[in-house]
Amino acid sequence: MIKTSVVVKANPGFDGRPIALLVQEASQYASKVYIQVAEKNINAKSIMGMMSLNLIGGEEITVVTDGEDEQKAAEGIKTFFANV
């Protein structure tokens, strides 16, 4: 299991299209991919779950990956958030 802190760069917020792209990115990996915000732990492969987070630019989140390609998944999600 890998936990990576990431800052959401999207301005002004993280809406429908970036969320759909994030779900596509997370779905590429065999590993489980979760986004943790405060006490919430949401499956990054679930579009409805991700939309419930209401992420905003500048917010710090934790990406948790667990599985056979967890390192690759952690880097992919981190890169995604850096380029949104």
C-alpha atoms as a PDB file:
ATOM      1  CA  MET A   1       0.000   0.000   0.000  1.00  0.00           C
ATOM      2  CA  ILE A   2       1.274   3.427  -0.993  1.00  0.00           C
ATOM      3  CA  LYS A   3      -0.054   6.742   0.361  1.00  0.00           C
ATOM      4  CA  THR A   4       0.806   9.899  -1.560  1.00  0.00           C
ATOM      5  CA  SER A   5      -0.149  13.476  -0.606  1.00  0.00           C
ATOM      6  CA  VAL A   6      -1.308  15.536  -3.563  1.00  0.00           C
ATOM      7  CA  VAL A   7      -2.579  19.113  -3.903  1.00  0.00           C
ATOM      8  CA  VAL A   8      -5.520  19.610  -6.265  1.00  0.00           C
ATOM      9  CA  LYS A   9      -4.380  22.180  -8.840  1.00  0.00           C
ATOM     10  CA  ALA A  10      -7.699  22.676 -10.684  1.00  0.00           C
ATOM     11  CA  ASN A  11      -9.109  26.196 -10.604  1.00  0.00           C
ATOM     12  CA  PRO A  12     -11.694  27.196  -9.626  1.00  0.00           C
ATOM     13  CA  GLY A  13     -12.855  23.657  -8.841  1.00  0.00           C
ATOM     14  CA  PHE A  14     -12.773  20.046  -9.849  1.00  0.00           C
ATOM     15  CA  ASP A  15     -15.980  19.513 -11.867  1.00  0.00           C
ATOM     16  CA  GLY A  16     -17.505  16.856 -14.169  1.00  0.00           C
ATOM     17  CA  ARG A  17     -14.948  16.603 -16.974  1.00  0.00           C
ATOM     18  CA  PRO A  18     -11.791  16.402 -14.810  1.00  0.00           C
ATOM     19  CA  ILE A  19     -13.546  13.889 -12.559  1.00  0.00           C
ATOM     20  CA  ALA A  20     -14.415  11.700 -15.564  1.00  0.00           C
ATOM     21  CA  LEU A  21     -10.781  11.888 -16.710  1.00  0.00           C
ATOM     22  CA  LEU A  22      -9.571  10.976 -13.220  1.00  0.00           C
ATOM     23  CA  VAL A  23     -11.874   7.933 -13.141  1.00  0.00           C
ATOM     24  CA  GLN A  24     -10.515   6.886 -16.563  1.00  0.00           C
ATOM     25  CA  GLU A  25      -6.944   7.263 -15.296  1.00  0.00           C
ATOM     26  CA  ALA A  26      -7.618   5.262 -12.121  1.00  0.00           C
ATOM     27  CA  SER A  27      -9.427   2.536 -14.070  1.00  0.00           C
ATOM     28  CA  GLN A  28      -6.282   1.796 -16.091  1.00  0.00           C
ATOM     29  CA  TYR A  29      -4.667   0.151 -13.085  1.00  0.00           C
ATOM     30  CA  ALA A  30      -5.309  -3.273 -11.562  1.00  0.00           C
ATOM     31  CA  SER A  31      -4.611  -1.851  -8.099  1.00  0.00           C
ATOM     32  CA  LYS A  32      -7.259  -0.390  -5.854  1.00  0.00           C
ATOM     33  CA  VAL A  33      -7.098   3.421  -5.985  1.00  0.00           C
ATOM     34  CA  TYR A  34      -8.697   5.541  -3.262  1.00  0.00           C
ATOM     35  CA  ILE A  35      -8.832   9.271  -2.617  1.00  0.00           C
ATOM     36  CA  GLN A  36      -8.845  10.291   1.050  1.00  0.00           C
ATOM     37  CA  VAL A  37     -10.151  13.687   2.108  1.00  0.00           C
ATOM     38  CA  ALA A  38     -10.533  14.218   5.854  1.00  0.00           C
ATOM     39  CA  GLU A  39     -12.405  11.131   7.071  1.00  0.00           C
ATOM     40  CA  LYS A  40     -13.757  10.190   3.605  1.00  0.00           C
ATOM     41  CA  ASN A  41     -12.149   7.327   1.674  1.00  0.00           C
ATOM     42  CA  ILE A  42     -13.559   7.186  -1.882  1.00  0.00           C
ATOM     43  CA  ASN A  43     -12.873   4.694  -4.677  1.00  0.00           C
ATOM     44  CA  ALA A  44     -11.254   6.723  -7.482  1.00  0.00           C
ATOM     45  CA  LYS A  45     -12.775   4.346 -10.048  1.00  0.00           C
ATOM     46  CA  SER A  46     -16.303   5.426  -9.018  1.00  0.00           C
ATOM     47  CA  ILE A  47     -17.517   8.537 -10.813  1.00  0.00           C
ATOM     48  CA  MET A  48     -20.400   9.053  -8.376  1.00  0.00           C
ATOM     49  CA  GLY A  49     -18.085   8.666  -5.392  1.00  0.00           C
ATOM     50  CA  MET A  50     -15.581  11.133  -6.823  1.00  0.00           C
ATOM     51  CA  MET A  51     -18.288  13.696  -7.580  1.00  0.00           C
ATOM     52  CA  SER A  52     -19.415  13.487  -3.939  1.00  0.00           C
ATOM     53  CA  LEU A  53     -16.028  14.805  -2.767  1.00  0.00           C
ATOM     54  CA  ASN A  54     -16.513  18.313  -4.251  1.00  0.00           C
ATOM     55  CA  LEU A  55     -12.755  18.832  -4.595  1.00  0.00           C
ATOM     56  CA  ILE A  56     -11.516  22.416  -4.922  1.00  0.00           C
ATOM     57  CA  GLY A  57      -8.247  23.908  -6.130  1.00  0.00           C
ATOM     58  CA  GLY A  58      -5.568  24.067  -3.451  1.00  0.00           C
ATOM     59  CA  GLU A  59      -7.089  21.263  -1.380  1.00  0.00           C
ATOM     60  CA  GLU A  60      -4.682  18.591  -0.130  1.00  0.00           C
ATOM     61  CA  ILE A  61      -5.763  14.981  -0.590  1.00  0.00           C
ATOM     62  CA  THR A  62      -4.159  11.590  -0.066  1.00  0.00           C
ATOM     63  CA  VAL A  63      -4.013   9.055  -2.887  1.00  0.00           C
ATOM     64  CA  VAL A  64      -3.937   5.471  -1.626  1.00  0.00           C
ATOM     65  CA  THR A  65      -2.990   2.675  -4.022  1.00  0.00           C
ATOM     66  CA  ASP A  66      -2.880  -1.007  -3.173  1.00  0.00           C
ATOM     67  CA  GLY A  67      -2.179  -3.915  -5.508  1.00  0.00           C
ATOM     68  CA  GLU A  68       0.160  -5.359  -8.082  1.00  0.00           C
ATOM     69  CA  ASP A  69       0.850  -2.073  -9.923  1.00  0.00           C
ATOM     70  CA  GLU A  70       0.441   0.273  -6.940  1.00  0.00           C
ATOM     71  CA  GLN A  71       3.633   2.248  -7.644  1.00  0.00           C
ATOM     72  CA  LYS A  72       2.650   2.891 -11.252  1.00  0.00           C
ATOM     73  CA  ALA A  73      -0.897   3.813 -10.154  1.00  0.00           C
ATOM     74  CA  ALA A  74       0.381   6.245  -7.493  1.00  0.00           C
ATOM     75  CA  GLU A  75       2.641   7.985 -10.012  1.00  0.00           C
ATOM     76  CA  GLY A  76      -0.107   8.113 -12.653  1.00  0.00           C
ATOM     77  CA  ILE A  77      -2.649   9.706 -10.321  1.00  0.00           C
ATOM     78  CA  LYS A  78      -0.060  12.140  -8.934  1.00  0.00           C
ATOM     79  CA  THR A  79       0.883  13.168 -12.489  1.00  0.00           C
ATOM     80  CA  PHE A  80      -2.806  13.534 -13.385  1.00  0.00           C
ATOM     81  CA  PHE A  81      -3.403  15.993 -10.540  1.00  0.00           C
ATOM     82  CA  ALA A  82      -0.244  17.938 -11.448  1.00  0.00           C
ATOM     83  CA  ASN A  83      -1.489  18.444 -15.003  1.00  0.00           C
ATOM     84  CA  VAL A  84      -5.223  19.133 -14.506  1.00  0.00           C
END
